[in-house]
Amino acid sequence: MTVAVETGLWQLDPTASAVNLRQKAFWGMSSVKGTFTAVRGEGEVGPDGSATGTLVLDAASLDTKNAKRDTHLRTAEFFDADNHPQITFVVTGADRLDGDIVRVTGRLTVRGVTKPLSFTGRLAEVRTDALVLEAEFTVDRTQFGITWNQLGMVAKVATVTTRLRFTRAAA
């Protein structure tokens, strides 16, 4: 049975949400994994069940468990966090398909470059006061000007995995 998502405003619960990045490195022999530790967002579900919203990541909050690498990722060779402190995804549409599958469309902005992005996700939990959206999709980092690639060691495509928990905002 498909449970309807309540209309109204929803707030991201950052303590119960995760945005992870996985990037192949060393010519595909290993993966670098990281988590954005500072994330916020909100959304609105309309009477027709469609949704819009915004997800904001602090570019400097990417934690790969390697301080030297994390410092390098903040530089102009990668995220350029001093000049572009936020990575944003503006959801222009989130439409429920069959059962718990959701098609999400929007615009991703990284380093001041905005590109369209769409993917499918899954509603892992739906209650009247909370919902969880899980998704995995890929992003070509070179489309956003992230082209550093010493000796061709780093793959162009990064995999993003999200688990986003939203709670109903007080009316």
Protein backbone atom coordinates (compact mmCIF):
# COMPACT_ATOMS: atom_id res chain seq x y z
CA MET A 1 0.00 0.00 0.00
CA THR A 2 1.36 3.43 -0.95
CA VAL A 3 1.21 5.98 1.86
CA ALA A 4 0.59 9.57 0.75
CA VAL A 5 3.13 12.23 1.64
CA GLU A 6 1.48 15.06 3.54
CA THR A 7 1.28 18.45 1.84
CA GLY A 8 3.08 21.40 3.37
CA LEU A 9 6.57 22.43 4.40
CA TRP A 10 9.30 19.93 5.31
CA GLN A 11 12.70 20.54 6.96
CA LEU A 12 15.80 18.40 6.50
CA ASP A 13 16.94 16.72 9.71
CA PRO A 14 20.74 17.04 9.34
CA THR A 15 21.46 14.71 12.26
CA ALA A 16 19.57 11.85 10.56
CA SER A 17 20.70 12.61 6.99
CA ALA A 18 23.83 11.79 5.01
CA VAL A 19 25.32 12.88 1.69
CA ASN A 20 28.26 10.69 0.70
CA LEU A 21 30.66 10.92 -2.22
CA ARG A 22 32.63 8.06 -3.77
CA GLN A 23 35.32 8.71 -6.38
CA LYS A 24 37.46 6.14 -8.15
CA ALA A 25 41.17 6.94 -7.88
CA PHE A 26 44.53 5.37 -8.64
CA TRP A 27 43.34 4.37 -12.12
CA GLY A 28 40.27 2.64 -10.70
CA MET A 29 42.16 0.47 -8.23
CA SER A 30 40.68 2.19 -5.17
CA SER A 31 37.90 4.53 -4.16
CA VAL A 32 38.05 7.70 -2.12
CA LYS A 33 34.97 8.04 0.09
CA GLY A 34 33.76 11.08 1.94
CA THR A 35 30.78 12.55 3.75
CA PHE A 36 29.53 16.12 3.73
CA THR A 37 29.16 16.86 7.44
CA ALA A 38 27.27 20.16 7.06
CA VAL A 39 24.01 19.80 5.15
CA ARG A 40 20.70 21.63 5.32
CA GLY A 41 17.56 21.81 3.28
CA GLU A 42 13.83 22.23 3.03
CA GLY A 43 11.03 21.34 0.71
CA GLU A 44 7.37 21.79 0.03
CA VAL A 45 4.87 19.15 -1.07
CA GLY A 46 1.98 20.49 -3.09
CA PRO A 47 -1.63 19.27 -3.11
CA ASP A 48 -0.92 17.23 -6.26
CA GLY A 49 1.89 15.35 -4.45
CA SER A 50 4.75 16.99 -6.36
CA ALA A 51 7.56 18.59 -4.42
CA THR A 52 10.13 21.36 -4.71
CA GLY A 53 12.97 22.30 -2.42
CA THR A 54 16.63 23.03 -1.83
CA LEU A 55 19.53 21.02 -0.45
CA VAL A 56 22.69 22.92 0.58
CA LEU A 57 26.06 21.35 1.35
CA ASP A 58 28.99 23.19 2.90
CA ALA A 59 31.73 22.47 0.34
CA ALA A 60 34.43 22.64 3.02
CA SER A 61 32.66 20.03 5.14
CA LEU A 62 33.63 17.06 2.94
CA ASP A 63 35.39 14.64 5.27
CA THR A 64 37.38 11.80 3.67
CA LYS A 65 39.20 10.90 6.91
CA ASN A 66 42.44 12.28 5.48
CA ALA A 67 43.17 15.86 6.55
CA LYS A 68 45.76 16.54 3.82
CA ARG A 69 43.39 15.33 1.08
CA ASP A 70 40.45 17.25 2.60
CA THR A 71 42.52 20.46 2.55
CA HIS A 72 43.38 19.84 -1.11
CA LEU A 73 39.70 19.24 -1.97
CA ARG A 74 38.87 22.71 -0.60
CA THR A 75 41.35 24.43 -2.95
CA ALA A 76 40.70 25.92 -6.39
CA GLU A 77 41.84 22.63 -7.95
CA PHE A 78 38.64 21.03 -6.66
CA PHE A 79 35.70 22.67 -4.84
CA ASP A 80 37.28 26.15 -4.45
CA ALA A 81 35.46 26.43 -1.13
CA ASP A 82 36.79 29.91 -0.34
CA ASN A 83 35.07 31.36 -3.42
CA HIS A 84 32.19 28.87 -3.65
CA PRO A 85 31.39 27.77 -0.09
CA GLN A 86 28.11 26.06 -0.95
CA ILE A 87 27.06 23.23 -3.22
CA THR A 88 23.33 23.52 -3.89
CA PHE A 89 20.71 21.32 -5.47
CA VAL A 90 17.47 23.13 -6.25
CA VAL A 91 14.66 20.62 -6.72
CA THR A 92 12.27 21.84 -9.39
CA GLY A 93 10.19 18.69 -9.25
CA ALA A 94 9.93 15.49 -7.25
CA ASP A 95 7.19 13.24 -8.54
CA ARG A 96 6.17 9.94 -7.09
CA LEU A 97 6.14 7.16 -9.65
CA ASP A 98 5.19 3.58 -8.78
CA GLY A 99 5.04 2.73 -5.09
CA ASP A 100 7.99 4.24 -3.26
CA ILE A 101 9.97 5.39 -6.34
CA VAL A 102 10.45 9.14 -6.83
CA ARG A 103 11.78 10.98 -9.89
CA VAL A 104 13.73 14.06 -8.79
CA THR A 105 14.64 16.84 -11.22
CA GLY A 106 16.54 20.02 -10.54
CA ARG A 107 19.68 22.08 -10.89
CA LEU A 108 23.01 21.29 -9.24
CA THR A 109 25.44 24.16 -8.61
CA VAL A 110 29.10 23.41 -7.85
CA ARG A 111 31.87 26.06 -8.05
CA GLY A 112 29.34 28.56 -9.42
CA VAL A 113 28.45 26.31 -12.38
CA THR A 114 24.83 25.15 -12.63
CA LYS A 115 23.77 22.06 -14.57
CA PRO A 116 20.51 20.13 -14.77
CA LEU A 117 20.38 16.89 -12.80
CA SER A 118 17.71 14.25 -12.53
CA PHE A 119 17.67 10.88 -10.82
CA THR A 120 15.33 8.39 -9.23
CA GLY A 121 15.20 7.77 -5.53
CA ARG A 122 13.25 5.65 -3.11
CA LEU A 123 11.05 6.69 -0.22
CA ALA A 124 12.48 4.43 2.47
CA GLU A 125 10.05 5.74 5.08
CA VAL A 126 6.84 7.74 4.89
CA ARG A 127 4.94 8.88 7.98
CA THR A 128 2.68 11.86 8.58
CA ASP A 129 5.53 13.69 10.36
CA ALA A 130 8.66 12.31 8.65
CA LEU A 131 9.96 10.85 5.41
CA VAL A 132 13.27 9.44 4.23
CA LEU A 133 14.46 9.67 0.62
CA GLU A 134 17.37 7.50 -0.47
CA ALA A 135 19.12 7.92 -3.81
CA GLU A 136 22.32 7.09 -5.64
CA PHE A 137 23.41 8.89 -8.79
CA THR A 138 26.54 9.96 -10.63
CA VAL A 139 27.95 13.40 -11.42
CA ASP A 140 30.62 14.23 -14.00
CA ARG A 141 32.88 16.54 -11.98
CA THR A 142 34.46 18.01 -15.12
CA GLN A 143 31.14 19.65 -16.05
CA PHE A 144 31.63 21.86 -12.99
CA GLY A 145 35.21 22.84 -13.73
CA ILE A 146 36.77 20.22 -11.43
CA THR A 147 39.37 19.01 -13.87
CA TRP A 148 42.47 18.42 -11.72
CA ASN A 149 43.68 14.93 -12.55
CA GLN A 150 47.38 14.37 -11.96
CA LEU A 151 48.60 11.54 -14.22
CA GLY A 152 44.99 10.61 -15.05
CA MET A 153 44.55 9.04 -11.62
CA VAL A 154 41.04 10.35 -10.82
CA ALA A 155 37.88 9.23 -12.65
CA LYS A 156 35.64 11.92 -14.15
CA VAL A 157 32.45 10.51 -12.64
CA ALA A 158 31.72 10.58 -8.91
CA THR A 159 28.94 8.62 -7.23
CA VAL A 160 26.73 10.45 -4.75
CA THR A 161 24.68 8.47 -2.22
CA THR A 162 22.07 10.22 -0.09
CA ARG A 163 19.81 9.35 2.78
CA LEU A 164 17.76 12.45 3.53
CA ARG A 165 15.32 12.57 6.42
CA PHE A 166 12.73 15.33 6.38
CA THR A 167 10.28 16.26 9.14
CA ARG A 168 7.09 18.25 8.80
CA ALA A 169 7.65 21.90 9.65
CA ALA A 170 5.38 23.40 12.30
CA ALA A 171 2.37 25.07 10.76
